[in-house]
Amino acid sequence: MTPAEAEKLLATRKDVVVLDVRTPEEFAAGHLKGAKNIDVLDDSFAKNVAALEGKPLLVHCASGGRSAQALPLLDPTKFSQVFHLNGGYKAWTDAGKPTVKPAK
């Protein structure tokens, strides 16, 4: 989905969990408000993401590659709905959507 579609989804569906699959360092540099950071490259990704089972997810990474890799790891029998933010965090920020940045 596009950043505009994702923003509308998050505004209308308070149950959707934003799953940021980037590294903790990338996440710390800026992220979507309320996002959960679970690094898809971490060996314990499957175990960590299990805590979100049953919840609808909006999955993204920096530009879409890693989040596309994460999608097959999200068992459709355990996640009611999975949405993918096309273009990732870069597309979100390029579209001027709000983010949480560290205090300077």
N, C-alpha and C. Protein backbone atom coordinates (compact mmCIF):
# COMPACT_ATOMS: atom_id res chain seq x y z
N MET A 1 0.83 -1.17 0.00
CA MET A 1 0.00 0.00 0.00
C MET A 1 0.88 1.24 0.00
N THR A 2 0.34 2.33 -0.48
CA THR A 2 1.09 3.58 -0.55
C THR A 2 1.15 4.23 0.84
N PRO A 3 2.05 5.20 1.03
CA PRO A 3 2.07 5.92 2.31
C PRO A 3 0.72 6.57 2.64
N ALA A 4 0.05 7.12 1.65
CA ALA A 4 -1.26 7.75 1.91
C ALA A 4 -2.28 6.71 2.37
N GLU A 5 -2.28 5.54 1.74
CA GLU A 5 -3.20 4.47 2.14
C GLU A 5 -2.85 3.97 3.54
N ALA A 6 -1.56 3.86 3.83
CA ALA A 6 -1.13 3.40 5.15
C ALA A 6 -1.52 4.40 6.23
N GLU A 7 -1.36 5.69 5.94
CA GLU A 7 -1.73 6.71 6.91
C GLU A 7 -3.23 6.65 7.20
N LYS A 8 -4.03 6.47 6.16
CA LYS A 8 -5.48 6.37 6.33
C LYS A 8 -5.83 5.12 7.15
N LEU A 9 -5.15 3.99 6.84
CA LEU A 9 -5.37 2.76 7.59
C LEU A 9 -5.10 2.97 9.08
N LEU A 10 -3.97 3.60 9.39
CA LEU A 10 -3.59 3.81 10.79
C LEU A 10 -4.53 4.78 11.49
N ALA A 11 -5.11 5.71 10.75
CA ALA A 11 -6.04 6.68 11.34
C ALA A 11 -7.40 6.04 11.64
N THR A 12 -7.76 5.04 10.85
CA THR A 12 -9.08 4.44 11.00
C THR A 12 -9.09 3.11 11.75
N ARG A 13 -7.94 2.45 11.82
CA ARG A 13 -7.84 1.14 12.48
C ARG A 13 -6.81 1.21 13.60
N LYS A 14 -7.27 1.46 14.79
CA LYS A 14 -6.37 1.59 15.94
C LYS A 14 -5.77 0.26 16.37
N ASP A 15 -6.28 -0.86 15.83
CA ASP A 15 -5.77 -2.17 16.20
C ASP A 15 -4.55 -2.60 15.36
N VAL A 16 -4.24 -1.85 14.30
CA VAL A 16 -3.12 -2.22 13.43
C VAL A 16 -1.79 -1.90 14.11
N VAL A 17 -0.91 -2.90 14.12
CA VAL A 17 0.42 -2.74 14.70
C VAL A 17 1.40 -2.44 13.56
N VAL A 18 2.18 -1.38 13.70
CA VAL A 18 3.21 -1.05 12.71
C VAL A 18 4.45 -1.87 13.08
N LEU A 19 4.83 -2.78 12.18
CA LEU A 19 5.99 -3.64 12.40
C LEU A 19 7.14 -3.14 11.54
N ASP A 20 8.14 -2.57 12.19
CA ASP A 20 9.33 -2.03 11.53
C ASP A 20 10.40 -3.11 11.62
N VAL A 21 10.78 -3.67 10.46
CA VAL A 21 11.72 -4.80 10.45
C VAL A 21 13.16 -4.36 10.18
N ARG A 22 13.45 -3.07 10.32
CA ARG A 22 14.81 -2.56 10.15
C ARG A 22 15.66 -2.88 11.38
N THR A 23 16.95 -2.53 11.30
CA THR A 23 17.83 -2.74 12.44
C THR A 23 17.48 -1.76 13.56
N PRO A 24 17.86 -2.08 14.79
CA PRO A 24 17.61 -1.16 15.91
C PRO A 24 18.25 0.21 15.68
N GLU A 25 19.39 0.25 15.02
CA GLU A 25 20.05 1.53 14.76
C GLU A 25 19.24 2.38 13.78
N GLU A 26 18.71 1.74 12.74
CA GLU A 26 17.86 2.46 11.78
C GLU A 26 16.60 2.97 12.48
N PHE A 27 16.00 2.11 13.30
CA PHE A 27 14.79 2.46 14.02
C PHE A 27 15.03 3.66 14.93
N ALA A 28 16.16 3.66 15.64
CA ALA A 28 16.49 4.74 16.57
C ALA A 28 16.66 6.08 15.85
N ALA A 29 17.06 6.03 14.59
CA ALA A 29 17.28 7.27 13.82
C ALA A 29 15.96 7.92 13.40
N GLY A 30 14.87 7.18 13.45
CA GLY A 30 13.55 7.71 13.10
C GLY A 30 12.62 6.57 12.75
N HIS A 31 11.34 6.69 13.15
CA HIS A 31 10.37 5.63 12.89
C HIS A 31 8.96 6.17 12.93
N LEU A 32 8.02 5.36 12.51
CA LEU A 32 6.61 5.72 12.57
C LEU A 32 6.16 5.66 14.03
N LYS A 33 5.27 6.57 14.39
CA LYS A 33 4.78 6.64 15.77
C LYS A 33 4.15 5.31 16.18
N GLY A 34 4.56 4.80 17.34
CA GLY A 34 3.98 3.59 17.90
C GLY A 34 4.50 2.30 17.30
N ALA A 35 5.46 2.39 16.38
CA ALA A 35 5.97 1.19 15.71
C ALA A 35 6.69 0.25 16.67
N LYS A 36 6.59 -1.04 16.37
CA LYS A 36 7.34 -2.07 17.09
C LYS A 36 8.51 -2.46 16.20
N ASN A 37 9.71 -2.48 16.75
CA ASN A 37 10.90 -2.80 15.99
C ASN A 37 11.33 -4.24 16.25
N ILE A 38 11.23 -5.08 15.21
CA ILE A 38 11.72 -6.45 15.27
C ILE A 38 12.53 -6.67 13.99
N ASP A 39 13.82 -6.75 14.14
CA ASP A 39 14.76 -6.85 13.01
C ASP A 39 14.59 -8.20 12.30
N VAL A 40 14.21 -8.15 11.02
CA VAL A 40 14.01 -9.38 10.26
C VAL A 40 15.30 -10.17 10.08
N LEU A 41 16.45 -9.50 10.18
CA LEU A 41 17.73 -10.18 10.02
C LEU A 41 18.21 -10.85 11.32
N ASP A 42 17.51 -10.60 12.42
CA ASP A 42 17.86 -11.21 13.70
C ASP A 42 17.41 -12.66 13.69
N ASP A 43 18.25 -13.54 14.21
CA ASP A 43 17.93 -14.98 14.24
C ASP A 43 16.65 -15.28 15.02
N SER A 44 16.27 -14.41 15.94
CA SER A 44 15.09 -14.66 16.77
C SER A 44 13.85 -13.92 16.25
N PHE A 45 13.86 -13.52 14.97
CA PHE A 45 12.72 -12.79 14.40
C PHE A 45 11.41 -13.54 14.60
N ALA A 46 11.37 -14.81 14.21
CA ALA A 46 10.12 -15.58 14.30
C ALA A 46 9.62 -15.66 15.73
N LYS A 47 10.53 -15.87 16.67
CA LYS A 47 10.15 -15.95 18.08
C LYS A 47 9.63 -14.59 18.56
N ASN A 48 10.31 -13.51 18.20
CA ASN A 48 9.92 -12.18 18.66
C ASN A 48 8.60 -11.72 18.05
N VAL A 49 8.38 -12.05 16.79
CA VAL A 49 7.16 -11.59 16.13
C VAL A 49 5.94 -12.39 16.61
N ALA A 50 6.17 -13.53 17.22
CA ALA A 50 5.06 -14.35 17.74
C ALA A 50 4.23 -13.58 18.77
N ALA A 51 4.84 -12.61 19.45
CA ALA A 51 4.12 -11.81 20.45
C ALA A 51 3.02 -10.96 19.80
N LEU A 52 3.07 -10.78 18.49
CA LEU A 52 2.09 -9.96 17.79
C LEU A 52 1.00 -10.79 17.12
N GLU A 53 1.03 -12.10 17.30
CA GLU A 53 0.06 -12.98 16.64
C GLU A 53 -1.37 -12.55 16.94
N GLY A 54 -2.22 -12.66 15.92
CA GLY A 54 -3.62 -12.31 16.05
C GLY A 54 -3.92 -10.86 15.77
N LYS A 55 -2.89 -10.05 15.60
CA LYS A 55 -3.09 -8.63 15.34
C LYS A 55 -2.83 -8.31 13.88
N PRO A 56 -3.57 -7.36 13.33
CA PRO A 56 -3.27 -6.93 11.96
C PRO A 56 -1.96 -6.14 11.96
N LEU A 57 -1.14 -6.34 10.92
CA LEU A 57 0.18 -5.71 10.86
C LEU A 57 0.34 -4.84 9.63
N LEU A 58 1.04 -3.73 9.79
CA LEU A 58 1.53 -2.92 8.68
C LEU A 58 3.04 -3.07 8.73
N VAL A 59 3.60 -3.79 7.76
CA VAL A 59 5.02 -4.15 7.77
C VAL A 59 5.80 -3.22 6.85
N HIS A 60 6.98 -2.76 7.34
CA HIS A 60 7.85 -1.96 6.49
C HIS A 60 9.29 -2.06 6.94
N CYS A 61 10.19 -1.68 6.03
CA CYS A 61 11.62 -1.58 6.34
C CYS A 61 12.07 -0.22 5.81
N ALA A 62 13.30 -0.11 5.35
CA ALA A 62 13.79 1.17 4.84
C ALA A 62 13.20 1.50 3.47
N SER A 63 13.26 0.52 2.54
CA SER A 63 12.77 0.81 1.19
C SER A 63 11.90 -0.29 0.59
N GLY A 64 11.67 -1.37 1.30
CA GLY A 64 10.75 -2.41 0.85
C GLY A 64 11.35 -3.79 0.66
N GLY A 65 12.67 -3.90 0.58
CA GLY A 65 13.31 -5.19 0.35
C GLY A 65 13.21 -6.15 1.51
N ARG A 66 13.63 -5.71 2.68
CA ARG A 66 13.61 -6.60 3.86
C ARG A 66 12.18 -6.90 4.31
N SER A 67 11.30 -5.93 4.19
CA SER A 67 9.92 -6.20 4.59
C SER A 67 9.28 -7.21 3.64
N ALA A 68 9.63 -7.17 2.36
CA ALA A 68 9.14 -8.19 1.42
C ALA A 68 9.67 -9.56 1.81
N GLN A 69 10.91 -9.62 2.33
CA GLN A 69 11.47 -10.89 2.81
C GLN A 69 10.74 -11.36 4.07
N ALA A 70 10.27 -10.42 4.87
CA ALA A 70 9.60 -10.76 6.12
C ALA A 70 8.19 -11.32 5.89
N LEU A 71 7.52 -10.90 4.83
CA LEU A 71 6.13 -11.30 4.62
C LEU A 71 5.92 -12.82 4.63
N PRO A 72 6.76 -13.61 3.93
CA PRO A 72 6.53 -15.07 3.98
C PRO A 72 6.78 -15.69 5.36
N LEU A 73 7.46 -14.97 6.23
CA LEU A 73 7.74 -15.47 7.58
C LEU A 73 6.56 -15.24 8.53
N LEU A 74 5.58 -14.47 8.08
CA LEU A 74 4.40 -14.16 8.90
C LEU A 74 3.28 -15.12 8.52
N ASP A 75 3.12 -16.15 9.31
CA ASP A 75 2.16 -17.22 9.06
C ASP A 75 0.74 -16.65 8.96
N PRO A 76 0.08 -16.81 7.79
CA PRO A 76 -1.27 -16.25 7.62
C PRO A 76 -2.30 -16.86 8.56
N THR A 77 -2.02 -18.01 9.15
CA THR A 77 -2.96 -18.58 10.11
C THR A 77 -2.83 -17.92 11.48
N LYS A 78 -1.75 -17.15 11.66
CA LYS A 78 -1.51 -16.51 12.96
C LYS A 78 -1.69 -14.99 12.94
N PHE A 79 -1.73 -14.43 11.73
CA PHE A 79 -1.91 -12.98 11.61
C PHE A 79 -3.14 -12.73 10.75
N SER A 80 -4.13 -12.02 11.32
CA SER A 80 -5.41 -11.84 10.64
C SER A 80 -5.27 -11.06 9.34
N GLN A 81 -4.47 -10.02 9.34
CA GLN A 81 -4.25 -9.22 8.15
C GLN A 81 -2.82 -8.70 8.17
N VAL A 82 -2.18 -8.71 7.00
CA VAL A 82 -0.83 -8.17 6.87
C VAL A 82 -0.82 -7.21 5.70
N PHE A 83 -0.46 -5.97 5.98
CA PHE A 83 -0.35 -4.93 4.96
C PHE A 83 1.13 -4.61 4.78
N HIS A 84 1.51 -4.27 3.55
CA HIS A 84 2.92 -3.94 3.25
C HIS A 84 3.01 -2.50 2.79
N LEU A 85 3.89 -1.72 3.44
CA LEU A 85 4.11 -0.33 3.04
C LEU A 85 5.11 -0.32 1.89
N ASN A 86 4.61 -0.13 0.68
CA ASN A 86 5.47 -0.11 -0.50
C ASN A 86 6.45 1.05 -0.42
N GLY A 87 7.72 0.76 -0.64
CA GLY A 87 8.75 1.80 -0.59
C GLY A 87 9.27 2.06 0.80
N GLY A 88 8.65 1.45 1.82
CA GLY A 88 9.13 1.52 3.19
C GLY A 88 9.19 2.91 3.81
N TYR A 89 10.08 3.01 4.80
CA TYR A 89 10.24 4.26 5.56
C TYR A 89 10.63 5.41 4.64
N LYS A 90 11.44 5.13 3.63
CA LYS A 90 11.86 6.19 2.69
C LYS A 90 10.65 6.77 1.97
N ALA A 91 9.77 5.93 1.47
CA ALA A 91 8.57 6.41 0.79
C ALA A 91 7.69 7.22 1.75
N TRP A 92 7.60 6.75 3.01
CA TRP A 92 6.79 7.43 4.02
C TRP A 92 7.33 8.84 4.26
N THR A 93 8.65 8.96 4.45
CA THR A 93 9.22 10.28 4.72
C THR A 93 9.22 11.15 3.46
N ASP A 94 9.45 10.55 2.30
CA ASP A 94 9.40 11.31 1.04
C ASP A 94 8.02 11.90 0.81
N ALA A 95 6.99 11.22 1.31
CA ALA A 95 5.62 11.70 1.17
C ALA A 95 5.28 12.74 2.24
N GLY A 96 6.24 13.05 3.12
CA GLY A 96 6.03 14.06 4.15
C GLY A 96 5.17 13.60 5.31
N LYS A 97 5.10 12.29 5.51
CA LYS A 97 4.30 11.74 6.60
C LYS A 97 5.06 11.87 7.93
N PRO A 98 4.33 11.95 9.06
CA PRO A 98 4.98 12.17 10.36
C PRO A 98 5.82 11.00 10.85
N THR A 99 6.93 11.33 11.50
CA THR A 99 7.81 10.33 12.09
C THR A 99 8.21 10.76 13.48
N VAL A 100 8.76 9.82 14.22
CA VAL A 100 9.34 10.09 15.54
C VAL A 100 10.85 10.08 15.35
N LYS A 101 11.48 11.19 15.71
CA LYS A 101 12.94 11.30 15.57
C LYS A 101 13.53 11.50 16.97
N PRO A 102 14.78 11.08 17.14
CA PRO A 102 15.41 11.25 18.46
C PRO A 102 15.62 12.73 18.77
N ALA A 103 15.56 13.06 20.04
CA ALA A 103 15.81 14.44 20.47
C ALA A 103 17.30 14.75 20.28
N LYS A 104 17.55 15.97 19.88
CA LYS A 104 18.97 16.36 19.66
C LYS A 104 19.52 17.09 20.84
